[in-house]
Amino acid sequence: MLSALFHRQWEEAEVAAQNLLTWLRKDGFPPNVTTLPADPEWSRTMAEFGCIVCLRRVRTEKARHASEKGS
């Protein structure tokens, strides 16, 4: 997800974020979000937050591209 965001691969980032959110919301284990030992609930919260931020960025970029095409 983060790599796709970095490389501006919006579709891939969106799919990765949606898949991770679905996994987490079905009580799947969260990914490690830090190199330090962390409480799993902290990791879950940070991963969900990252997915939400990613999805907002993707939607913003898609809207920007759509408006540029319409201009």
N, C-alpha and C. Protein backbone atom coordinates (compact mmCIF):
# COMPACT_ATOMS: atom_id res chain seq x y z
N MET A 1 0.83 -1.18 0.00
CA MET A 1 0.00 0.00 0.00
C MET A 1 0.88 1.25 0.00
N LEU A 2 1.84 1.28 0.90
CA LEU A 2 2.70 2.47 0.99
C LEU A 2 3.56 2.63 -0.25
N SER A 3 4.05 1.53 -0.78
CA SER A 3 4.84 1.59 -2.01
C SER A 3 4.00 2.09 -3.17
N ALA A 4 2.77 1.61 -3.26
CA ALA A 4 1.87 2.07 -4.33
C ALA A 4 1.59 3.57 -4.19
N LEU A 5 1.39 4.04 -2.97
CA LEU A 5 1.18 5.47 -2.75
C LEU A 5 2.41 6.26 -3.19
N PHE A 6 3.57 5.80 -2.78
CA PHE A 6 4.81 6.49 -3.11
C PHE A 6 4.99 6.61 -4.62
N HIS A 7 4.63 5.55 -5.33
CA HIS A 7 4.80 5.52 -6.78
C HIS A 7 3.56 6.03 -7.54
N ARG A 8 2.62 6.59 -6.80
CA ARG A 8 1.40 7.16 -7.37
C ARG A 8 0.61 6.14 -8.19
N GLN A 9 0.59 4.94 -7.72
CA GLN A 9 -0.19 3.87 -8.33
C GLN A 9 -1.52 3.79 -7.56
N TRP A 10 -2.40 4.70 -7.93
CA TRP A 10 -3.61 4.93 -7.13
C TRP A 10 -4.51 3.71 -7.04
N GLU A 11 -4.72 3.01 -8.14
CA GLU A 11 -5.60 1.83 -8.11
C GLU A 11 -5.03 0.76 -7.18
N GLU A 12 -3.74 0.51 -7.29
CA GLU A 12 -3.10 -0.50 -6.46
C GLU A 12 -3.16 -0.12 -4.98
N ALA A 13 -2.93 1.15 -4.70
CA ALA A 13 -3.00 1.62 -3.32
C ALA A 13 -4.41 1.45 -2.76
N GLU A 14 -5.39 1.78 -3.57
CA GLU A 14 -6.78 1.66 -3.12
C GLU A 14 -7.14 0.20 -2.83
N VAL A 15 -6.77 -0.70 -3.71
CA VAL A 15 -7.07 -2.12 -3.50
C VAL A 15 -6.36 -2.63 -2.25
N ALA A 16 -5.10 -2.28 -2.09
CA ALA A 16 -4.35 -2.74 -0.91
C ALA A 16 -4.98 -2.21 0.38
N ALA A 17 -5.36 -0.94 0.40
CA ALA A 17 -5.97 -0.36 1.59
C ALA A 17 -7.31 -1.02 1.90
N GLN A 18 -8.13 -1.22 0.88
CA GLN A 18 -9.43 -1.87 1.09
C GLN A 18 -9.25 -3.30 1.61
N ASN A 19 -8.30 -4.02 1.01
CA ASN A 19 -8.06 -5.40 1.45
C ASN A 19 -7.57 -5.47 2.89
N LEU A 20 -6.66 -4.57 3.26
CA LEU A 20 -6.16 -4.57 4.63
C LEU A 20 -7.27 -4.19 5.61
N LEU A 21 -8.07 -3.19 5.27
CA LEU A 21 -9.19 -2.82 6.15
C LEU A 21 -10.15 -3.98 6.34
N THR A 22 -10.47 -4.66 5.26
CA THR A 22 -11.37 -5.82 5.34
C THR A 22 -10.77 -6.88 6.26
N TRP A 23 -9.49 -7.17 6.08
CA TRP A 23 -8.79 -8.15 6.91
C TRP A 23 -8.85 -7.75 8.39
N LEU A 24 -8.53 -6.51 8.67
CA LEU A 24 -8.51 -6.05 10.06
C LEU A 24 -9.90 -6.07 10.68
N ARG A 25 -10.89 -5.71 9.92
CA ARG A 25 -12.26 -5.65 10.46
C ARG A 25 -12.88 -7.03 10.63
N LYS A 26 -12.22 -8.05 10.07
CA LYS A 26 -12.64 -9.44 10.32
C LYS A 26 -11.77 -10.07 11.40
N ASP A 27 -11.15 -9.21 12.20
CA ASP A 27 -10.28 -9.61 13.30
C ASP A 27 -9.01 -10.32 12.85
N GLY A 28 -8.55 -10.02 11.64
CA GLY A 28 -7.25 -10.51 11.21
C GLY A 28 -6.16 -9.80 11.99
N PHE A 29 -5.02 -10.45 12.13
CA PHE A 29 -3.94 -9.84 12.91
C PHE A 29 -3.40 -8.62 12.16
N PRO A 30 -3.04 -7.59 12.90
CA PRO A 30 -2.52 -6.37 12.26
C PRO A 30 -1.06 -6.54 11.84
N PRO A 31 -0.64 -5.80 10.82
CA PRO A 31 0.77 -5.83 10.46
C PRO A 31 1.59 -5.08 11.51
N ASN A 32 2.86 -5.38 11.56
CA ASN A 32 3.76 -4.60 12.43
C ASN A 32 3.91 -3.22 11.81
N VAL A 33 3.63 -2.20 12.59
CA VAL A 33 3.72 -0.84 12.07
C VAL A 33 4.93 -0.09 12.61
N THR A 34 5.72 -0.76 13.41
CA THR A 34 6.92 -0.16 13.98
C THR A 34 7.96 -1.24 14.20
N THR A 35 9.19 -0.85 14.29
CA THR A 35 10.24 -1.82 14.59
C THR A 35 10.34 -2.08 16.09
N LEU A 36 9.66 -1.28 16.88
CA LEU A 36 9.64 -1.46 18.33
C LEU A 36 8.51 -2.39 18.73
N PRO A 37 8.64 -3.08 19.84
CA PRO A 37 7.52 -3.89 20.33
C PRO A 37 6.30 -3.00 20.56
N ALA A 38 5.16 -3.43 20.05
CA ALA A 38 3.94 -2.62 20.20
C ALA A 38 2.76 -3.52 20.55
N ASP A 39 1.85 -2.95 21.28
CA ASP A 39 0.60 -3.63 21.59
C ASP A 39 -0.15 -3.90 20.28
N PRO A 40 -0.69 -5.10 20.10
CA PRO A 40 -1.41 -5.40 18.86
C PRO A 40 -2.56 -4.43 18.57
N GLU A 41 -3.21 -3.94 19.59
CA GLU A 41 -4.31 -2.99 19.35
C GLU A 41 -3.77 -1.66 18.84
N TRP A 42 -2.59 -1.26 19.29
CA TRP A 42 -1.97 -0.04 18.77
C TRP A 42 -1.65 -0.25 17.28
N SER A 43 -1.08 -1.40 16.94
CA SER A 43 -0.77 -1.70 15.55
C SER A 43 -2.03 -1.72 14.70
N ARG A 44 -3.11 -2.31 15.24
CA ARG A 44 -4.38 -2.36 14.51
C ARG A 44 -4.90 -0.94 14.26
N THR A 45 -4.88 -0.11 15.28
CA THR A 45 -5.37 1.26 15.16
C THR A 45 -4.56 2.05 14.14
N MET A 46 -3.25 1.91 14.21
CA MET A 46 -2.38 2.64 13.27
C MET A 46 -2.55 2.12 11.84
N ALA A 47 -2.72 0.82 11.68
CA ALA A 47 -2.93 0.26 10.34
C ALA A 47 -4.25 0.74 9.76
N GLU A 48 -5.31 0.73 10.57
CA GLU A 48 -6.61 1.22 10.10
C GLU A 48 -6.52 2.70 9.73
N PHE A 49 -5.86 3.48 10.55
CA PHE A 49 -5.69 4.89 10.25
C PHE A 49 -4.94 5.08 8.93
N GLY A 50 -3.88 4.31 8.75
CA GLY A 50 -3.12 4.38 7.50
C GLY A 50 -3.97 4.05 6.29
N CYS A 51 -4.83 3.06 6.41
CA CYS A 51 -5.72 2.70 5.31
C CYS A 51 -6.70 3.83 5.00
N ILE A 52 -7.24 4.43 6.02
CA ILE A 52 -8.20 5.52 5.83
C ILE A 52 -7.51 6.72 5.17
N VAL A 53 -6.32 7.06 5.63
CA VAL A 53 -5.57 8.16 5.02
C VAL A 53 -5.26 7.83 3.56
N CYS A 54 -4.85 6.62 3.29
CA CYS A 54 -4.55 6.19 1.93
C CYS A 54 -5.78 6.34 1.04
N LEU A 55 -6.91 5.86 1.50
CA LEU A 55 -8.14 5.93 0.70
C LEU A 55 -8.56 7.37 0.44
N ARG A 56 -8.39 8.24 1.42
CA ARG A 56 -8.71 9.66 1.20
C ARG A 56 -7.80 10.27 0.16
N ARG A 57 -6.52 9.93 0.21
CA ARG A 57 -5.56 10.45 -0.78
C ARG A 57 -5.90 9.96 -2.18
N VAL A 58 -6.22 8.69 -2.29
CA VAL A 58 -6.59 8.11 -3.59
C VAL A 58 -7.83 8.81 -4.14
N ARG A 59 -8.83 8.99 -3.32
CA ARG A 59 -10.06 9.66 -3.78
C ARG A 59 -9.78 11.09 -4.20
N THR A 60 -8.92 11.79 -3.46
CA THR A 60 -8.54 13.16 -3.83
C THR A 60 -7.84 13.17 -5.17
N GLU A 61 -6.91 12.27 -5.37
CA GLU A 61 -6.17 12.22 -6.64
C GLU A 61 -7.08 11.85 -7.80
N LYS A 62 -7.98 10.91 -7.59
CA LYS A 62 -8.92 10.54 -8.66
C LYS A 62 -9.82 11.71 -9.02
N ALA A 63 -10.29 12.45 -8.03
CA ALA A 63 -11.13 13.61 -8.29
C ALA A 63 -10.35 14.69 -9.02
N ARG A 64 -9.09 14.88 -8.64
CA ARG A 64 -8.24 15.88 -9.30
C ARG A 64 -8.03 15.51 -10.76
N HIS A 65 -7.74 14.24 -11.01
CA HIS A 65 -7.52 13.80 -12.39
C HIS A 65 -8.81 13.92 -13.21
N ALA A 66 -9.94 13.61 -12.60
CA ALA A 66 -11.21 13.72 -13.32
C ALA A 66 -11.51 15.17 -13.67
N SER A 67 -11.21 16.10 -12.75
CA SER A 67 -11.48 17.50 -13.03
C SER A 67 -10.52 18.04 -14.09
N GLU A 68 -9.28 17.54 -14.11
CA GLU A 68 -8.33 17.96 -15.14
C GLU A 68 -8.76 17.48 -16.52
N LYS A 69 -9.33 16.29 -16.59
CA LYS A 69 -9.81 15.77 -17.87
C LYS A 69 -11.02 16.54 -18.35
N GLY A 70 -11.83 17.01 -17.40
CA GLY A 70 -13.04 17.77 -17.74
C GLY A 70 -12.76 19.20 -18.14
N SER A 71 -11.57 19.69 -17.85
CA SER A 71 -11.22 21.08 -18.16
C SER A 71 -10.87 21.28 -19.60
